[in-house]
């Protein structure tokens, strides 16, 4: 499955537009990570625990979007975007969305 943030896939023609697909996950902060983040705020530096948490959440949201695209019979998802929003204090949603398409081209 090709995933891209541009509107086309170079070398391929979009032959079928299958519609919007999305995947999301909601993640909450972990008490241990909060303690370490508080200590990091005192001395400055990257909050590695949160970086890891958000990276895992992005991958999960993208995987869920890909699963929805596969269920529709897509070869690719184009114009992919990621969005983050606060759900409640200490929890955030990561949303991945794009347009599922079927392709024809040099490698198909």
PDB file of N, CA and C in Angstrom:
ATOM      1  N   UNK A   1       0.855  -1.179   0.000  1.00  0.00           N
ATOM      2  CA  UNK A   1       0.000   0.000   0.000  1.00  0.00           C
ATOM      3  C   UNK A   1       0.894   1.234   0.000  1.00  0.00           C
ATOM      4  N   UNK A   2       0.639   2.109  -0.947  1.00  0.00           N
ATOM      5  CA  UNK A   2       1.381   3.368  -1.035  1.00  0.00           C
ATOM      6  C   UNK A   2       0.645   4.419  -0.210  1.00  0.00           C
ATOM      7  N   UNK A   3       1.390   5.100   0.647  1.00  0.00           N
ATOM      8  CA  UNK A   3       0.848   6.186   1.466  1.00  0.00           C
ATOM      9  C   UNK A   3       1.651   7.436   1.133  1.00  0.00           C
ATOM     10  N   UNK A   4       0.967   8.512   0.744  1.00  0.00           N
ATOM     11  CA  UNK A   4       1.673   9.734   0.387  1.00  0.00           C
ATOM     12  C   UNK A   4       0.882  10.965   0.812  1.00  0.00           C
ATOM     13  N   UNK A   5       1.607  12.038   1.064  1.00  0.00           N
ATOM     14  CA  UNK A   5       0.934  13.274   1.451  1.00  0.00           C
ATOM     15  C   UNK A   5       0.724  14.205   0.258  1.00  0.00           C
ATOM     16  N   UNK A   6       1.047  13.741  -0.958  1.00  0.00           N
ATOM     17  CA  UNK A   6       0.751  14.524  -2.152  1.00  0.00           C
ATOM     18  C   UNK A   6      -0.505  13.967  -2.815  1.00  0.00           C
ATOM     19  N   UNK A   7      -1.037  14.683  -3.797  1.00  0.00           N
ATOM     20  CA  UNK A   7      -2.334  14.318  -4.382  1.00  0.00           C
ATOM     21  C   UNK A   7      -2.258  13.222  -5.433  1.00  0.00           C
ATOM     22  N   UNK A   8      -1.055  12.887  -5.878  1.00  0.00           N
ATOM     23  CA  UNK A   8      -0.874  11.863  -6.899  1.00  0.00           C
ATOM     24  C   UNK A   8       0.258  10.945  -6.484  1.00  0.00           C
ATOM     25  N   UNK A   9       0.415   9.853  -7.226  1.00  0.00           N
ATOM     26  CA  UNK A   9       1.550   8.958  -7.022  1.00  0.00           C
ATOM     27  C   UNK A   9       2.338   8.970  -8.328  1.00  0.00           C
ATOM     28  N   UNK A  10       3.550   9.535  -8.323  1.00  0.00           N
ATOM     29  CA  UNK A  10       4.334   9.609  -9.554  1.00  0.00           C
ATOM     30  C   UNK A  10       4.484   8.242 -10.219  1.00  0.00           C
ATOM     31  N   UNK A  11       4.262   8.217 -11.557  1.00  0.00           N
ATOM     32  CA  UNK A  11       4.375   6.981 -12.320  1.00  0.00           C
ATOM     33  C   UNK A  11       3.092   6.177 -12.387  1.00  0.00           C
ATOM     34  N   UNK A  12       2.049   6.635 -11.704  1.00  0.00           N
ATOM     35  CA  UNK A  12       0.777   5.926 -11.681  1.00  0.00           C
ATOM     36  C   UNK A  12      -0.354   6.885 -12.052  1.00  0.00           C
ATOM     37  N   UNK A  13      -1.422   6.313 -12.550  1.00  0.00           N
ATOM     38  CA  UNK A  13      -2.644   7.075 -12.797  1.00  0.00           C
ATOM     39  C   UNK A  13      -3.693   6.626 -11.800  1.00  0.00           C
ATOM     40  N   UNK A  14      -4.413   7.570 -11.232  1.00  0.00           N
ATOM     41  CA  UNK A  14      -5.537   7.238 -10.358  1.00  0.00           C
ATOM     42  C   UNK A  14      -6.695   6.854 -11.264  1.00  0.00           C
ATOM     43  N   UNK A  15      -7.181   5.617 -11.126  1.00  0.00           N
ATOM     44  CA  UNK A  15      -8.267   5.134 -11.974  1.00  0.00           C
ATOM     45  C   UNK A  15      -9.587   4.996 -11.227  1.00  0.00           C
ATOM     46  N   UNK A  16      -9.523   5.069  -9.896  1.00  0.00           N
ATOM     47  CA  UNK A  16     -10.758   4.968  -9.121  1.00  0.00           C
ATOM     48  C   UNK A  16     -10.568   5.691  -7.791  1.00  0.00           C
ATOM     49  N   UNK A  17     -11.520   6.518  -7.478  1.00  0.00           N
ATOM     50  CA  UNK A  17     -11.532   7.287  -6.226  1.00  0.00           C
ATOM     51  C   UNK A  17     -12.482   6.572  -5.274  1.00  0.00           C
ATOM     52  N   UNK A  18     -11.971   6.082  -4.152  1.00  0.00           N
ATOM     53  CA  UNK A  18     -12.766   5.261  -3.236  1.00  0.00           C
ATOM     54  C   UNK A  18     -13.250   6.019  -1.999  1.00  0.00           C
ATOM     55  N   UNK A  19     -12.849   7.261  -1.876  1.00  0.00           N
ATOM     56  CA  UNK A  19     -13.354   8.087  -0.786  1.00  0.00           C
ATOM     57  C   UNK A  19     -12.395   8.248   0.380  1.00  0.00           C
ATOM     58  N   UNK A  20     -12.867   8.989   1.357  1.00  0.00           N
ATOM     59  CA  UNK A  20     -12.103   9.306   2.552  1.00  0.00           C
ATOM     60  C   UNK A  20     -11.911   8.064   3.419  1.00  0.00           C
ATOM     61  N   UNK A  21     -10.691   7.893   3.896  1.00  0.00           N
ATOM     62  CA  UNK A  21     -10.396   6.858   4.883  1.00  0.00           C
ATOM     63  C   UNK A  21      -9.696   7.519   6.053  1.00  0.00           C
ATOM     64  N   UNK A  22      -9.860   6.934   7.218  1.00  0.00           N
ATOM     65  CA  UNK A  22      -9.255   7.526   8.410  1.00  0.00           C
ATOM     66  C   UNK A  22      -8.936   6.461   9.440  1.00  0.00           C
ATOM     67  N   UNK A  23      -8.081   6.828  10.335  1.00  0.00           N
ATOM     68  CA  UNK A  23      -7.745   5.981  11.471  1.00  0.00           C
ATOM     69  C   UNK A  23      -7.358   6.889  12.618  1.00  0.00           C
ATOM     70  N   UNK A  24      -7.728   6.509  13.824  1.00  0.00           N
ATOM     71  CA  UNK A  24      -7.378   7.354  14.966  1.00  0.00           C
ATOM     72  C   UNK A  24      -7.084   6.502  16.195  1.00  0.00           C
ATOM     73  N   UNK A  25      -6.458   7.140  17.146  1.00  0.00           N
ATOM     74  CA  UNK A  25      -6.207   6.531  18.444  1.00  0.00           C
ATOM     75  C   UNK A  25      -6.193   7.649  19.477  1.00  0.00           C
ATOM     76  N   UNK A  26      -6.624   7.330  20.662  1.00  0.00           N
ATOM     77  CA  UNK A  26      -6.581   8.287  21.771  1.00  0.00           C
ATOM     78  C   UNK A  26      -5.604   7.734  22.788  1.00  0.00           C
ATOM     79  N   UNK A  27      -4.651   8.557  23.167  1.00  0.00           N
ATOM     80  CA  UNK A  27      -3.624   8.131  24.112  1.00  0.00           C
ATOM     81  C   UNK A  27      -3.623   9.060  25.317  1.00  0.00           C
ATOM     82  N   UNK A  28      -3.389   8.479  26.475  1.00  0.00           N
ATOM     83  CA  UNK A  28      -3.307   9.241  27.723  1.00  0.00           C
ATOM     84  C   UNK A  28      -1.881   9.227  28.233  1.00  0.00           C
ATOM     85  N   UNK A  29      -1.550  10.258  28.963  1.00  0.00           N
ATOM     86  CA  UNK A  29      -0.221  10.325  29.569  1.00  0.00           C
ATOM     87  C   UNK A  29      -0.099   9.265  30.656  1.00  0.00           C
ATOM     88  N   UNK A  30       1.114   8.849  30.902  1.00  0.00           N
ATOM     89  CA  UNK A  30       1.437   7.831  31.899  1.00  0.00           C
ATOM     90  C   UNK A  30       2.070   8.539  33.094  1.00  0.00           C
ATOM     91  N   UNK A  31       1.704   8.158  34.302  1.00  0.00           N
ATOM     92  CA  UNK A  31       2.212   8.817  35.511  1.00  0.00           C
ATOM     93  C   UNK A  31       3.738   8.834  35.536  1.00  0.00           C
ATOM     94  N   UNK A  32       4.364   7.728  35.197  1.00  0.00           N
ATOM     95  CA  UNK A  32       5.826   7.670  35.176  1.00  0.00           C
ATOM     96  C   UNK A  32       6.415   8.654  34.184  1.00  0.00           C
ATOM     97  N   UNK A  33       5.780   8.761  33.017  1.00  0.00           N
ATOM     98  CA  UNK A  33       6.251   9.714  32.015  1.00  0.00           C
ATOM     99  C   UNK A  33       6.046  11.144  32.512  1.00  0.00           C
ATOM    100  N   UNK A  34       4.936  11.386  33.206  1.00  0.00           N
ATOM    101  CA  UNK A  34       4.681  12.727  33.751  1.00  0.00           C
ATOM    102  C   UNK A  34       5.757  13.135  34.751  1.00  0.00           C
ATOM    103  N   UNK A  35       6.163  12.227  35.599  1.00  0.00           N
ATOM    104  CA  UNK A  35       7.204  12.531  36.589  1.00  0.00           C
ATOM    105  C   UNK A  35       8.512  12.872  35.877  1.00  0.00           C
ATOM    106  N   UNK A  36       8.884  12.040  34.893  1.00  0.00           N
ATOM    107  CA  UNK A  36      10.121  12.298  34.154  1.00  0.00           C
ATOM    108  C   UNK A  36      10.028  13.591  33.356  1.00  0.00           C
ATOM    109  N   UNK A  37       8.860  13.881  32.781  1.00  0.00           N
ATOM    110  CA  UNK A  37       8.679  15.124  32.031  1.00  0.00           C
ATOM    111  C   UNK A  37       8.820  16.321  32.954  1.00  0.00           C
ATOM    112  N   UNK A  38       8.278  16.222  34.152  1.00  0.00           N
ATOM    113  CA  UNK A  38       8.415  17.302  35.119  1.00  0.00           C
ATOM    114  C   UNK A  38       9.862  17.570  35.467  1.00  0.00           C
ATOM    115  N   UNK A  39      10.631  16.513  35.635  1.00  0.00           N
ATOM    116  CA  UNK A  39      12.060  16.677  35.926  1.00  0.00           C
ATOM    117  C   UNK A  39      12.798  17.277  34.730  1.00  0.00           C
ATOM    118  N   UNK A  40      12.439  16.844  33.511  1.00  0.00           N
ATOM    119  CA  UNK A  40      13.070  17.374  32.302  1.00  0.00           C
ATOM    120  C   UNK A  40      12.765  18.856  32.145  1.00  0.00           C
ATOM    121  N   UNK A  41      11.569  19.284  32.526  1.00  0.00           N
ATOM    122  CA  UNK A  41      11.211  20.697  32.414  1.00  0.00           C
ATOM    123  C   UNK A  41      12.123  21.570  33.264  1.00  0.00           C
ATOM    124  N   UNK A  42      12.634  21.025  34.343  1.00  0.00           N
ATOM    125  CA  UNK A  42      13.521  21.788  35.222  1.00  0.00           C
ATOM    126  C   UNK A  42      14.867  22.020  34.541  1.00  0.00           C
ATOM    127  N   UNK A  43      15.405  20.996  33.879  1.00  0.00           N
ATOM    128  CA  UNK A  43      16.738  21.097  33.293  1.00  0.00           C
ATOM    129  C   UNK A  43      16.720  21.286  31.779  1.00  0.00           C
ATOM    130  N   UNK A  44      15.581  21.241  31.172  1.00  0.00           N
ATOM    131  CA  UNK A  44      15.338  21.353  29.730  1.00  0.00           C
ATOM    132  C   UNK A  44      15.794  20.099  28.985  1.00  0.00           C
ATOM    133  N   UNK A  45      15.338  19.970  27.765  1.00  0.00           N
ATOM    134  CA  UNK A  45      15.683  18.817  26.940  1.00  0.00           C
ATOM    135  C   UNK A  45      14.450  18.149  26.382  1.00  0.00           C
ATOM    136  N   UNK A  46      14.668  17.195  25.513  1.00  0.00           N
ATOM    137  CA  UNK A  46      13.566  16.480  24.872  1.00  0.00           C
ATOM    138  C   UNK A  46      12.842  15.608  25.890  1.00  0.00           C
ATOM    139  N   UNK A  47      11.535  15.581  25.778  1.00  0.00           N
ATOM    140  CA  UNK A  47      10.710  14.713  26.617  1.00  0.00           C
ATOM    141  C   UNK A  47      10.538  13.398  25.856  1.00  0.00           C
ATOM    142  N   UNK A  48      11.545  12.546  25.964  1.00  0.00           N
ATOM    143  CA  UNK A  48      11.622  11.327  25.157  1.00  0.00           C
ATOM    144  C   UNK A  48      10.419  10.412  25.354  1.00  0.00           C
ATOM    145  N   UNK A  49       9.891  10.333  26.564  1.00  0.00           N
ATOM    146  CA  UNK A  49       8.724   9.488  26.816  1.00  0.00           C
ATOM    147  C   UNK A  49       7.513   9.940  26.010  1.00  0.00           C
ATOM    148  N   UNK A  50       7.323  11.247  25.926  1.00  0.00           N
ATOM    149  CA  UNK A  50       6.202  11.777  25.141  1.00  0.00           C
ATOM    150  C   UNK A  50       6.455  11.638  23.642  1.00  0.00           C
ATOM    151  N   UNK A  51       7.705  11.822  23.237  1.00  0.00           N
ATOM    152  CA  UNK A  51       8.050  11.635  21.829  1.00  0.00           C
ATOM    153  C   UNK A  51       7.724  10.208  21.400  1.00  0.00           C
ATOM    154  N   UNK A  52       8.106   9.251  22.218  1.00  0.00           N
ATOM    155  CA  UNK A  52       7.820   7.839  21.930  1.00  0.00           C
ATOM    156  C   UNK A  52       6.317   7.576  21.905  1.00  0.00           C
ATOM    157  N   UNK A  53       5.591   8.128  22.860  1.00  0.00           N
ATOM    158  CA  UNK A  53       4.141   7.955  22.933  1.00  0.00           C
ATOM    159  C   UNK A  53       3.457   8.474  21.671  1.00  0.00           C
ATOM    160  N   UNK A  54       3.853   9.666  21.220  1.00  0.00           N
ATOM    161  CA  UNK A  54       3.232  10.251  20.031  1.00  0.00           C
ATOM    162  C   UNK A  54       3.626   9.500  18.763  1.00  0.00           C
ATOM    163  N   UNK A  55       4.858   9.017  18.702  1.00  0.00           N
ATOM    164  CA  UNK A  55       5.284   8.236  17.541  1.00  0.00           C
ATOM    165  C   UNK A  55       4.469   6.948  17.433  1.00  0.00           C
ATOM    166  N   UNK A  56       4.295   6.255  18.545  1.00  0.00           N
ATOM    167  CA  UNK A  56       3.475   5.039  18.553  1.00  0.00           C
ATOM    168  C   UNK A  56       2.042   5.360  18.121  1.00  0.00           C
ATOM    169  N   UNK A  57       1.511   6.458  18.607  1.00  0.00           N
ATOM    170  CA  UNK A  57       0.137   6.844  18.269  1.00  0.00           C
ATOM    171  C   UNK A  57       0.007   7.154  16.781  1.00  0.00           C
ATOM    172  N   UNK A  58       0.983   7.850  16.192  1.00  0.00           N
ATOM    173  CA  UNK A  58       0.943   8.146  14.757  1.00  0.00           C
ATOM    174  C   UNK A  58       0.945   6.864  13.943  1.00  0.00           C
ATOM    175  N   UNK A  59       1.841   5.932  14.279  1.00  0.00           N
ATOM    176  CA  UNK A  59       1.897   4.669  13.540  1.00  0.00           C
ATOM    177  C   UNK A  59       0.581   3.896  13.657  1.00  0.00           C
ATOM    178  N   UNK A  60      -0.004   3.872  14.837  1.00  0.00           N
ATOM    179  CA  UNK A  60      -1.273   3.166  15.021  1.00  0.00           C
ATOM    180  C   UNK A  60      -2.389   3.812  14.204  1.00  0.00           C
ATOM    181  N   UNK A  61      -2.462   5.133  14.215  1.00  0.00           N
ATOM    182  CA  UNK A  61      -3.493   5.826  13.445  1.00  0.00           C
ATOM    183  C   UNK A  61      -3.325   5.559  11.947  1.00  0.00           C
ATOM    184  N   UNK A  62      -2.080   5.600  11.455  1.00  0.00           N
ATOM    185  CA  UNK A  62      -1.823   5.326  10.037  1.00  0.00           C
ATOM    186  C   UNK A  62      -2.162   3.883   9.700  1.00  0.00           C
ATOM    187  N   UNK A  63      -1.811   2.936  10.562  1.00  0.00           N
ATOM    188  CA  UNK A  63      -2.159   1.526  10.318  1.00  0.00           C
ATOM    189  C   UNK A  63      -3.666   1.329  10.239  1.00  0.00           C
ATOM    190  N   UNK A  64      -4.409   1.994  11.090  1.00  0.00           N
ATOM    191  CA  UNK A  64      -5.870   1.883  11.060  1.00  0.00           C
ATOM    192  C   UNK A  64      -6.440   2.497   9.784  1.00  0.00           C
ATOM    193  N   UNK A  65      -5.851   3.600   9.333  1.00  0.00           N
ATOM    194  CA  UNK A  65      -6.275   4.208   8.073  1.00  0.00           C
ATOM    195  C   UNK A  65      -5.993   3.251   6.909  1.00  0.00           C
ATOM    196  N   UNK A  66      -4.801   2.632   6.902  1.00  0.00           N
ATOM    197  CA  UNK A  66      -4.457   1.680   5.856  1.00  0.00           C
ATOM    198  C   UNK A  66      -5.404   0.487   5.846  1.00  0.00           C
ATOM    199  N   UNK A  67      -5.795   0.006   7.012  1.00  0.00           N
ATOM    200  CA  UNK A  67      -6.730  -1.122   7.088  1.00  0.00           C
ATOM    201  C   UNK A  67      -8.075  -0.758   6.469  1.00  0.00           C
ATOM    202  N   UNK A  68      -8.539   0.447   6.735  1.00  0.00           N
ATOM    203  CA  UNK A  68      -9.807   0.889   6.138  1.00  0.00           C
ATOM    204  C   UNK A  68      -9.670   0.995   4.620  1.00  0.00           C
ATOM    205  N   UNK A  69      -8.526   1.494   4.150  1.00  0.00           N
ATOM    206  CA  UNK A  69      -8.296   1.607   2.709  1.00  0.00           C
ATOM    207  C   UNK A  69      -8.245   0.230   2.049  1.00  0.00           C
ATOM    208  N   UNK A  70      -7.558  -0.718   2.671  1.00  0.00           N
ATOM    209  CA  UNK A  70      -7.490  -2.082   2.134  1.00  0.00           C
ATOM    210  C   UNK A  70      -8.874  -2.702   2.051  1.00  0.00           C
ATOM    211  N   UNK A  71      -9.703  -2.468   3.060  1.00  0.00           N
ATOM    212  CA  UNK A  71     -11.067  -3.011   3.062  1.00  0.00           C
ATOM    213  C   UNK A  71     -11.889  -2.460   1.903  1.00  0.00           C
ATOM    214  N   UNK A  72     -11.545  -1.275   1.427  1.00  0.00           N
ATOM    215  CA  UNK A  72     -12.237  -0.676   0.277  1.00  0.00           C
ATOM    216  C   UNK A  72     -11.617  -1.097  -1.052  1.00  0.00           C
ATOM    217  N   UNK A  73     -10.514  -1.854  -0.997  1.00  0.00           N
ATOM    218  CA  UNK A  73      -9.847  -2.305  -2.208  1.00  0.00           C
ATOM    219  C   UNK A  73      -8.847  -1.322  -2.779  1.00  0.00           C
ATOM    220  N   UNK A  74      -8.325  -0.434  -1.970  1.00  0.00           N
ATOM    221  CA  UNK A  74      -7.403   0.602  -2.443  1.00  0.00           C
ATOM    222  C   UNK A  74      -5.993   0.062  -2.648  1.00  0.00           C
ATOM    223  N   UNK A  75      -5.271   0.703  -3.579  1.00  0.00           N
ATOM    224  CA  UNK A  75      -3.848   0.457  -3.782  1.00  0.00           C
ATOM    225  C   UNK A  75      -3.009   1.501  -3.052  1.00  0.00           C
ATOM    226  N   UNK A  76      -3.626   2.660  -2.777  1.00  0.00           N
ATOM    227  CA  UNK A  76      -2.884   3.764  -2.184  1.00  0.00           C
ATOM    228  C   UNK A  76      -3.830   4.679  -1.423  1.00  0.00           C
ATOM    229  N   UNK A  77      -3.224   5.480  -0.543  1.00  0.00           N
ATOM    230  CA  UNK A  77      -3.949   6.572   0.110  1.00  0.00           C
ATOM    231  C   UNK A  77      -3.142   7.824  -0.187  1.00  0.00           C
ATOM    232  N   UNK A  78      -3.790   8.792  -0.837  1.00  0.00           N
ATOM    233  CA  UNK A  78      -3.117  10.030  -1.218  1.00  0.00           C
ATOM    234  C   UNK A  78      -3.609  11.188  -0.364  1.00  0.00           C
ATOM    235  N   UNK A  79      -2.834  12.263  -0.399  1.00  0.00           N
ATOM    236  CA  UNK A  79      -3.173  13.485   0.329  1.00  0.00           C
ATOM    237  C   UNK A  79      -3.370  13.223   1.823  1.00  0.00           C
ATOM    238  N   UNK A  80      -2.502  12.395   2.390  1.00  0.00           N
ATOM    239  CA  UNK A  80      -2.609  12.003   3.797  1.00  0.00           C
ATOM    240  C   UNK A  80      -2.242  13.173   4.708  1.00  0.00           C
ATOM    241  N   UNK A  81      -3.027  13.338   5.744  1.00  0.00           N
ATOM    242  CA  UNK A  81      -2.798  14.371   6.747  1.00  0.00           C
ATOM    243  C   UNK A  81      -2.901  13.747   8.131  1.00  0.00           C
ATOM    244  N   UNK A  82      -2.217  14.359   9.086  1.00  0.00           N
ATOM    245  CA  UNK A  82      -2.296  13.957  10.488  1.00  0.00           C
ATOM    246  C   UNK A  82      -2.790  15.144  11.292  1.00  0.00           C
ATOM    247  N   UNK A  83      -3.614  14.853  12.274  1.00  0.00           N
ATOM    248  CA  UNK A  83      -4.164  15.902  13.126  1.00  0.00           C
ATOM    249  C   UNK A  83      -4.115  15.424  14.569  1.00  0.00           C
ATOM    250  N   UNK A  84      -3.899  16.352  15.464  1.00  0.00           N
ATOM    251  CA  UNK A  84      -3.867  16.053  16.889  1.00  0.00           C
ATOM    252  C   UNK A  84      -4.840  16.978  17.593  1.00  0.00           C
ATOM    253  N   UNK A  85      -5.595  16.432  18.541  1.00  0.00           N
ATOM    254  CA  UNK A  85      -6.492  17.275  19.332  1.00  0.00           C
ATOM    255  C   UNK A  85      -6.571  16.738  20.756  1.00  0.00           C
ATOM    256  N   UNK A  86      -6.765  17.650  21.675  1.00  0.00           N
ATOM    257  CA  UNK A  86      -6.924  17.266  23.079  1.00  0.00           C
ATOM    258  C   UNK A  86      -8.339  16.744  23.278  1.00  0.00           C
ATOM    259  N   UNK A  87      -8.454  15.593  23.922  1.00  0.00           N
ATOM    260  CA  UNK A  87      -9.764  14.998  24.193  1.00  0.00           C
ATOM    261  C   UNK A  87     -10.213  15.381  25.596  1.00  0.00           C
ATOM    262  N   UNK A  88      -9.304  15.275  26.519  1.00  0.00           N
ATOM    263  CA  UNK A  88      -9.531  15.648  27.909  1.00  0.00           C
ATOM    264  C   UNK A  88      -8.159  15.962  28.503  1.00  0.00           C
ATOM    265  N   UNK A  89      -8.131  16.456  29.706  1.00  0.00           N
ATOM    266  CA  UNK A  89      -6.839  16.757  30.323  1.00  0.00           C
ATOM    267  C   UNK A  89      -5.987  15.489  30.391  1.00  0.00           C
ATOM    268  N   UNK A  90      -4.831  15.537  29.752  1.00  0.00           N
ATOM    269  CA  UNK A  90      -3.923  14.399  29.802  1.00  0.00           C
ATOM    270  C   UNK A  90      -4.129  13.364  28.720  1.00  0.00           C
ATOM    271  N   UNK A  91      -5.072  13.599  27.780  1.00  0.00           N
ATOM    272  CA  UNK A  91      -5.297  12.625  26.704  1.00  0.00           C
ATOM    273  C   UNK A  91      -5.457  13.363  25.383  1.00  0.00           C
ATOM    274  N   UNK A  92      -4.905  12.773  24.323  1.00  0.00           N
ATOM    275  CA  UNK A  92      -4.971  13.387  23.000  1.00  0.00           C
ATOM    276  C   UNK A  92      -5.341  12.349  21.954  1.00  0.00           C
ATOM    277  N   UNK A  93      -6.010  12.807  20.912  1.00  0.00           N
ATOM    278  CA  UNK A  93      -6.336  11.961  19.771  1.00  0.00           C
ATOM    279  C   UNK A  93      -5.380  12.289  18.642  1.00  0.00           C
ATOM    280  N   UNK A  94      -4.880  11.257  17.984  1.00  0.00           N
ATOM    281  CA  UNK A  94      -4.115  11.405  16.751  1.00  0.00           C
ATOM    282  C   UNK A  94      -5.010  10.839  15.652  1.00  0.00           C
ATOM    283  N   UNK A  95      -5.249  11.636  14.618  1.00  0.00           N
ATOM    284  CA  UNK A  95      -6.105  11.241  13.499  1.00  0.00           C
ATOM    285  C   UNK A  95      -5.284  11.271  12.223  1.00  0.00           C
ATOM    286  N   UNK A  96      -5.314  10.179  11.462  1.00  0.00           N
ATOM    287  CA  UNK A  96      -4.701  10.112  10.134  1.00  0.00           C
ATOM    288  C   UNK A  96      -5.837   9.975   9.131  1.00  0.00           C
ATOM    289  N   UNK A  97      -5.802  10.782   8.066  1.00  0.00           N
ATOM    290  CA  UNK A  97      -6.866  10.689   7.069  1.00  0.00           C
ATOM    291  C   UNK A  97      -6.327  11.025   5.687  1.00  0.00           C
ATOM    292  N   UNK A  98      -6.990  10.490   4.688  1.00  0.00           N
ATOM    293  CA  UNK A  98      -6.593  10.719   3.307  1.00  0.00           C
ATOM    294  C   UNK A  98      -7.641  10.157   2.361  1.00  0.00           C
ATOM    295  N   UNK A  99      -7.296  10.123   1.082  1.00  0.00           N
ATOM    296  CA  UNK A  99      -8.211   9.644   0.048  1.00  0.00           C
ATOM    297  C   UNK A  99      -7.716   8.305  -0.489  1.00  0.00           C
ATOM    298  N   UNK A 100      -8.560   7.285  -0.388  1.00  0.00           N
ATOM    299  CA  UNK A 100      -8.231   5.955  -0.898  1.00  0.00           C
ATOM    300  C   UNK A 100      -8.458   5.937  -2.408  1.00  0.00           C
ATOM    301  N   UNK A 101      -7.485   5.367  -3.139  1.00  0.00           N
ATOM    302  CA  UNK A 101      -7.583   5.314  -4.585  1.00  0.00           C
ATOM    303  C   UNK A 101      -7.081   3.966  -5.118  1.00  0.00           C
ATOM    304  N   UNK A 102      -7.503   3.648  -6.344  1.00  0.00           N
ATOM    305  CA  UNK A 102      -6.924   2.531  -7.092  1.00  0.00           C
ATOM    306  C   UNK A 102      -6.037   3.129  -8.161  1.00  0.00           C
ATOM    307  N   UNK A 103      -4.950   2.439  -8.439  1.00  0.00           N
ATOM    308  CA  UNK A 103      -3.941   2.956  -9.374  1.00  0.00           C
ATOM    309  C   UNK A 103      -3.748   2.063 -10.583  1.00  0.00           C
ATOM    310  N   UNK A 104      -3.282   2.675 -11.653  1.00  0.00           N
ATOM    311  CA  UNK A 104      -2.786   1.957 -12.833  1.00  0.00           C
ATOM    312  C   UNK A 104      -1.495   2.655 -13.219  1.00  0.00           C
ATOM    313  N   UNK A 105      -0.527   1.886 -13.680  1.00  0.00           N
ATOM    314  CA  UNK A 105       0.728   2.530 -14.067  1.00  0.00           C
ATOM    315  C   UNK A 105       1.814   1.530 -14.338  1.00  0.00           C
ATOM    316  N   UNK A 106       3.043   2.023 -14.309  1.00  0.00           N
ATOM    317  CA  UNK A 106       4.194   1.239 -14.744  1.00  0.00           C
ATOM    318  C   UNK A 106       4.423  -0.062 -13.977  1.00  0.00           C
ATOM    319  N   UNK A 107       4.090  -0.086 -12.673  1.00  0.00           N
ATOM    320  CA  UNK A 107       4.372  -1.277 -11.868  1.00  0.00           C
ATOM    321  C   UNK A 107       3.137  -2.115 -11.579  1.00  0.00           C
ATOM    322  N   UNK A 108       2.023  -1.785 -12.116  1.00  0.00           N
ATOM    323  CA  UNK A 108       0.774  -2.491 -11.794  1.00  0.00           C
ATOM    324  C   UNK A 108       0.496  -3.563 -12.782  1.00  0.00           C
TER     325      UNK A 108
END
